[in-house]
């Protein structure tokens, strides 16, 4: 699945952006929090999507059956 590779790449790029913000001494801690919050929210969504796609890759649904991803998720 190409989408898994794209998501992993996006997560790596978000991590890189977060590290750049953390290491930037021009920003106060509050500014860093404000800049990082949307990035970390995006990362959370991407991580959940990656988990779902990995699950579906390992447990493909049978034809004409629901995928069952809702049973896999804890939330």
N, C-alpha and C. Protein backbone atom coordinates (compact mmCIF):
# COMPACT_ATOMS: atom_id res chain seq x y z
N UNK A 1 0.83 -1.18 0.00
CA UNK A 1 0.00 0.00 0.00
C UNK A 1 0.87 1.25 0.00
N UNK A 2 0.73 2.04 -1.03
CA UNK A 2 1.50 3.27 -1.11
C UNK A 2 1.06 4.27 -0.06
N UNK A 3 -0.21 4.22 0.31
CA UNK A 3 -0.71 5.20 1.28
C UNK A 3 0.00 5.07 2.62
N UNK A 4 0.38 3.88 3.01
CA UNK A 4 1.10 3.69 4.28
C UNK A 4 2.44 4.41 4.22
N UNK A 5 3.14 4.28 3.11
CA UNK A 5 4.43 4.95 2.96
C UNK A 5 4.27 6.47 2.99
N UNK A 6 3.22 6.97 2.35
CA UNK A 6 2.97 8.42 2.36
C UNK A 6 2.66 8.92 3.77
N UNK A 7 1.90 8.16 4.49
CA UNK A 7 1.56 8.57 5.86
C UNK A 7 2.78 8.54 6.76
N UNK A 8 3.61 7.51 6.61
CA UNK A 8 4.84 7.44 7.40
C UNK A 8 5.75 8.62 7.08
N UNK A 9 5.82 9.01 5.82
CA UNK A 9 6.62 10.16 5.42
C UNK A 9 6.06 11.44 6.02
N UNK A 10 4.75 11.59 6.01
CA UNK A 10 4.12 12.78 6.58
C UNK A 10 4.38 12.87 8.08
N UNK A 11 4.33 11.73 8.77
CA UNK A 11 4.61 11.71 10.21
C UNK A 11 6.05 12.13 10.47
N UNK A 12 6.98 11.64 9.65
CA UNK A 12 8.39 12.01 9.81
C UNK A 12 8.59 13.50 9.59
N UNK A 13 7.89 14.07 8.61
CA UNK A 13 8.01 15.50 8.35
C UNK A 13 7.42 16.33 9.49
N UNK A 14 6.31 15.86 10.07
CA UNK A 14 5.73 16.56 11.22
C UNK A 14 6.68 16.52 12.41
N UNK A 15 7.31 15.37 12.63
CA UNK A 15 8.30 15.27 13.72
C UNK A 15 9.44 16.25 13.51
N UNK A 16 9.86 16.38 12.27
CA UNK A 16 10.95 17.32 11.95
C UNK A 16 10.53 18.76 12.24
N UNK A 17 9.30 19.12 11.87
CA UNK A 17 8.80 20.47 12.14
C UNK A 17 8.71 20.75 13.64
N UNK A 18 8.24 19.76 14.39
CA UNK A 18 8.13 19.91 15.85
C UNK A 18 9.53 20.11 16.45
N UNK A 19 10.51 19.34 15.99
CA UNK A 19 11.87 19.49 16.50
C UNK A 19 12.43 20.88 16.20
N UNK A 20 12.14 21.38 15.00
CA UNK A 20 12.61 22.73 14.64
C UNK A 20 11.99 23.77 15.57
N UNK A 21 10.73 23.62 15.88
CA UNK A 21 10.06 24.57 16.79
C UNK A 21 10.67 24.48 18.18
N UNK A 22 10.89 23.24 18.65
CA UNK A 22 11.46 23.06 19.99
C UNK A 22 12.85 23.67 20.11
N UNK A 23 13.64 23.55 19.06
CA UNK A 23 15.02 24.04 19.12
C UNK A 23 15.15 25.53 18.82
N UNK A 24 14.08 26.16 18.36
CA UNK A 24 14.11 27.58 18.05
C UNK A 24 14.04 28.38 19.34
N UNK A 25 15.11 29.06 19.64
CA UNK A 25 15.19 29.80 20.90
C UNK A 25 14.50 31.17 20.83
N UNK A 26 14.03 31.56 19.66
CA UNK A 26 13.35 32.85 19.52
C UNK A 26 11.94 32.82 20.09
N UNK A 27 11.36 31.63 20.19
CA UNK A 27 9.98 31.49 20.65
C UNK A 27 9.94 31.25 22.16
N UNK A 28 8.93 31.84 22.79
CA UNK A 28 8.70 31.54 24.21
C UNK A 28 8.03 30.17 24.29
N UNK A 29 7.92 29.64 25.48
CA UNK A 29 7.27 28.33 25.64
C UNK A 29 5.82 28.37 25.22
N UNK A 30 5.14 29.46 25.48
CA UNK A 30 3.74 29.59 25.08
C UNK A 30 3.62 29.60 23.56
N UNK A 31 4.50 30.32 22.89
CA UNK A 31 4.48 30.35 21.43
C UNK A 31 4.78 28.97 20.86
N UNK A 32 5.72 28.27 21.46
CA UNK A 32 6.03 26.92 21.00
C UNK A 32 4.81 26.02 21.13
N UNK A 33 4.13 26.12 22.26
CA UNK A 33 2.91 25.32 22.46
C UNK A 33 1.87 25.64 21.39
N UNK A 34 1.69 26.93 21.10
CA UNK A 34 0.70 27.35 20.11
C UNK A 34 1.05 26.86 18.71
N UNK A 35 2.33 26.85 18.38
CA UNK A 35 2.75 26.37 17.06
C UNK A 35 2.69 24.85 16.96
N UNK A 36 3.00 24.18 18.06
CA UNK A 36 3.08 22.72 18.01
C UNK A 36 1.72 22.04 18.13
N UNK A 37 0.76 22.65 18.78
CA UNK A 37 -0.53 22.00 19.00
C UNK A 37 -1.18 21.50 17.71
N UNK A 38 -1.32 22.33 16.67
CA UNK A 38 -1.94 21.80 15.44
C UNK A 38 -1.11 20.70 14.78
N UNK A 39 0.21 20.81 14.89
CA UNK A 39 1.08 19.78 14.31
C UNK A 39 0.89 18.45 15.04
N UNK A 40 0.80 18.50 16.35
CA UNK A 40 0.63 17.28 17.13
C UNK A 40 -0.76 16.67 16.93
N UNK A 41 -1.76 17.53 16.70
CA UNK A 41 -3.09 17.02 16.40
C UNK A 41 -3.09 16.31 15.04
N UNK A 42 -2.41 16.89 14.06
CA UNK A 42 -2.28 16.24 12.76
C UNK A 42 -1.57 14.90 12.89
N UNK A 43 -0.53 14.88 13.71
CA UNK A 43 0.23 13.65 13.89
C UNK A 43 -0.64 12.57 14.52
N UNK A 44 -1.46 12.95 15.46
CA UNK A 44 -2.36 11.98 16.11
C UNK A 44 -3.31 11.36 15.09
N UNK A 45 -3.87 12.20 14.22
CA UNK A 45 -4.79 11.70 13.19
C UNK A 45 -4.04 10.79 12.23
N UNK A 46 -2.84 11.19 11.83
CA UNK A 46 -2.05 10.36 10.92
C UNK A 46 -1.67 9.03 11.56
N UNK A 47 -1.33 9.05 12.84
CA UNK A 47 -0.99 7.80 13.53
C UNK A 47 -2.19 6.86 13.58
N UNK A 48 -3.38 7.40 13.85
CA UNK A 48 -4.58 6.57 13.87
C UNK A 48 -4.88 6.01 12.49
N UNK A 49 -4.71 6.83 11.47
CA UNK A 49 -4.92 6.37 10.09
C UNK A 49 -3.92 5.28 9.74
N UNK A 50 -2.69 5.46 10.14
CA UNK A 50 -1.65 4.45 9.88
C UNK A 50 -2.00 3.13 10.57
N UNK A 51 -2.45 3.21 11.81
CA UNK A 51 -2.85 1.99 12.53
C UNK A 51 -4.02 1.30 11.82
N UNK A 52 -5.00 2.09 11.38
CA UNK A 52 -6.16 1.51 10.70
C UNK A 52 -5.76 0.85 9.39
N UNK A 53 -4.92 1.52 8.61
CA UNK A 53 -4.50 0.95 7.33
C UNK A 53 -3.65 -0.30 7.52
N UNK A 54 -2.80 -0.27 8.53
CA UNK A 54 -1.98 -1.45 8.82
C UNK A 54 -2.87 -2.62 9.24
N UNK A 55 -3.87 -2.34 10.05
CA UNK A 55 -4.80 -3.39 10.46
C UNK A 55 -5.53 -3.96 9.25
N UNK A 56 -6.01 -3.08 8.37
CA UNK A 56 -6.74 -3.54 7.19
C UNK A 56 -5.83 -4.31 6.24
N UNK A 57 -4.57 -3.93 6.17
CA UNK A 57 -3.62 -4.65 5.32
C UNK A 57 -3.39 -6.06 5.86
N UNK A 58 -3.28 -6.17 7.18
CA UNK A 58 -3.02 -7.47 7.81
C UNK A 58 -4.28 -8.32 7.92
N UNK A 59 -5.45 -7.69 7.98
CA UNK A 59 -6.72 -8.39 8.12
C UNK A 59 -7.70 -7.89 7.06
N UNK A 60 -7.48 -8.24 5.81
CA UNK A 60 -8.37 -7.71 4.77
C UNK A 60 -9.80 -8.23 4.95
N UNK A 61 -10.78 -7.37 4.69
CA UNK A 61 -12.17 -7.80 4.84
C UNK A 61 -12.54 -8.78 3.73
N UNK A 62 -13.44 -9.67 4.03
CA UNK A 62 -13.93 -10.59 3.01
C UNK A 62 -14.90 -9.83 2.11
N UNK A 63 -15.09 -10.28 0.89
CA UNK A 63 -16.01 -9.57 -0.01
C UNK A 63 -17.43 -9.48 0.58
N UNK A 64 -18.06 -8.36 0.35
CA UNK A 64 -19.43 -8.08 0.80
C UNK A 64 -19.59 -8.14 2.32
N UNK A 65 -18.53 -7.88 3.04
CA UNK A 65 -18.58 -7.85 4.50
C UNK A 65 -18.02 -6.51 4.98
N UNK A 66 -18.52 -5.99 6.09
CA UNK A 66 -17.93 -4.76 6.63
C UNK A 66 -16.49 -5.03 7.05
N UNK A 67 -15.68 -4.00 7.04
CA UNK A 67 -14.25 -4.19 7.31
C UNK A 67 -13.97 -4.54 8.77
N UNK A 68 -14.84 -4.17 9.69
CA UNK A 68 -14.65 -4.51 11.09
C UNK A 68 -13.68 -3.62 11.82
N UNK A 69 -13.30 -2.49 11.23
CA UNK A 69 -12.33 -1.60 11.86
C UNK A 69 -12.87 -1.04 13.17
N UNK A 70 -14.18 -0.87 13.27
CA UNK A 70 -14.74 -0.32 14.51
C UNK A 70 -14.56 -1.28 15.69
N UNK A 71 -14.47 -2.56 15.42
CA UNK A 71 -14.21 -3.54 16.50
C UNK A 71 -12.76 -3.47 16.96
N UNK A 72 -11.89 -3.12 16.04
CA UNK A 72 -10.46 -3.02 16.35
C UNK A 72 -10.13 -1.82 17.21
N UNK A 73 -10.77 -0.69 16.93
CA UNK A 73 -10.48 0.54 17.66
C UNK A 73 -10.98 0.47 19.09
N UNK A 74 -10.22 1.09 19.97
CA UNK A 74 -10.60 1.12 21.38
C UNK A 74 -11.49 2.30 21.71
N UNK A 75 -11.41 3.40 20.91
CA UNK A 75 -12.19 4.60 21.25
C UNK A 75 -13.44 4.71 20.44
